[in-house]
Amino acid sequence: MERDVRRVLLAVNPRKAAGPDGVPGKVLRACAHQLTPIFNRIFNLSLNQAVIPPCLKSATIIPVPKKSPPVSHNDYRPVALTPIVMKCFERLVLHHIKDCLPSTLDTHQFAYRTNRSTEDAIAIALHSALSHLEHQQSYVRMLFVDYSSAFNTIIPDILITKLNTLGLPPLTCAWIRDFLTNRPQTVRLGPHLSSTRTLSTGSPQGCVLSPLLYCLYTYDCRPTHESNITVKFADDTTVVGLISRGDESAYREEVLKLTAWCSANNLQLNITKTKEIVVDFRRHRADPAPLYINGECVERVHTFRFLGVLISADLSWSNNISAVTKKAQQRLHFLRVLRKHNLDSKLLLTFYRSTIESLLTYCITVWYGSCTEADRRRLQRVIKTAQRIVGCPLPSLTDIYTSRCLNRAHSIIKDSSHPGFHMFNLLPSGRRYRCIKARTNRLKNSFFPKGITILNSHMH
């Protein structure tokens, strides 16, 4: 409809880089009303014929370093610059695909979905582990899976078969097949351009549809045993094995089935970057046997950066807080420099919130309730220093934590498809929520029990 086309054209970010066609976003936005009837006709023809003009599928690949300094080709992420007109078209198709999908599809995929975040993914994984550790003779093995160029290895035919299974209209599936095949692209490095190559594998990183298509491609990657949980955030996959009385057969079988699923779906496991953490608080514990994938031993580590948060085998947060504090103190230097140049206090406050407070509070509902008083004081000292520099009061982490927990709990209660929804159960009176029974402080201070406690304290 013309109304939808006009809406996406008016929403174009004028600062986004133009694609290979050279048409800047500010032109599309400024001329949205005049261009709407033309693009509406082009888009409808494309959908009805399941064909995309080659000029709209062309892409310029920009190698973006994953880390600094990059030492090999694998340290670059191939980001595709595509025509902005095509991005607008993709947004329209994106809404159409989402309308065809059930809200309960792949509930443990937390990426690119409304009311889902890395915070939810971490909270669900940790709650599963902590709840299991309440039982006698139990421990947890967490496998953090890494794929090699996951988005670039999607096979269109396999994806279309899955989309048909999910009930997407045949014409939409045919359009997606054309979208993914015969894509001309060149690589740009500085002023240099490579020759053009045409690809029919993968979904370009940088396209609007790519994240959703990848999630649909992996929706059937699910655990087969009740004692295992698979938590996904885009291509970050974590297998949580809940081990009881030393019986690891279900966990090891799950890893074997994951390996077989990857082979069948053309996804290559990067064993070198795949790591495992064993969480074991038993008094008389012995190191479990190592895990092998495709004949290679998976490295067992004490800490791992899981979706931006440092998880430790003892489930303490000192390592994470040390890393956060170090980064925050480095950024305080820039706040001092701005203060030295007599920047207005409102601008200083904006800089603090966007660069320091955002760092200190990332996934705060997951870890703040369980960290020690000494760690909390370390974090609060950073805020006090920033407060002196900015020259106005700043909210404490405790206040932010309480507020975030409350907001998160309210959001989950309103979303029946959220995997944490079933943990919020009203008592028969309807005035309070049933508290989660916890034998240890580890579980008691984690997000869901704390969130319910805070929620109850604010109910009238």
Foldseek 3Di string as FASTA:
>chain_A
DLVLQLVLLLVFDQPDDAWPVRDGSVVSNVCSVVCSVVLVVVLVVCLVVLADPLLQLEWEWEWQACDPPDDDPQRTATATRGHVSSLSSVVVLVVVLVVLADLLQLLQAQAPDPLGDLLLLLQVLLLLQQVLQLDPQKWKKKKWWDWRPLQQAFQLVLLLVLSVVRPDDPSSSSSVQNSQFQRWYWYDDPPDIDDIDTGNGGDHHNHPCSQVSQCSSCSPLAQPDPQWGWHHHRRTIMIMGIDHNLDCVSVLVSLVVNLVVCVVRRIGIDQVPIEMAMQDDDPDDDDRDFHDDPNHTRHYDQWDQRSNAIAGSPRARPVRLVVLLVQLVVVVVVLLVCLVVVDQLVVSVVSCVVRNVCSLCPSVLAHVLRYDPVSLVSSVVSQVSSCVSSVHDDDRPVVVNLVVLQVSVVSLCVDPSNPCNVLFDADPVNQATDADDDPDSSSCSGRSNVSRVSNSVPTD
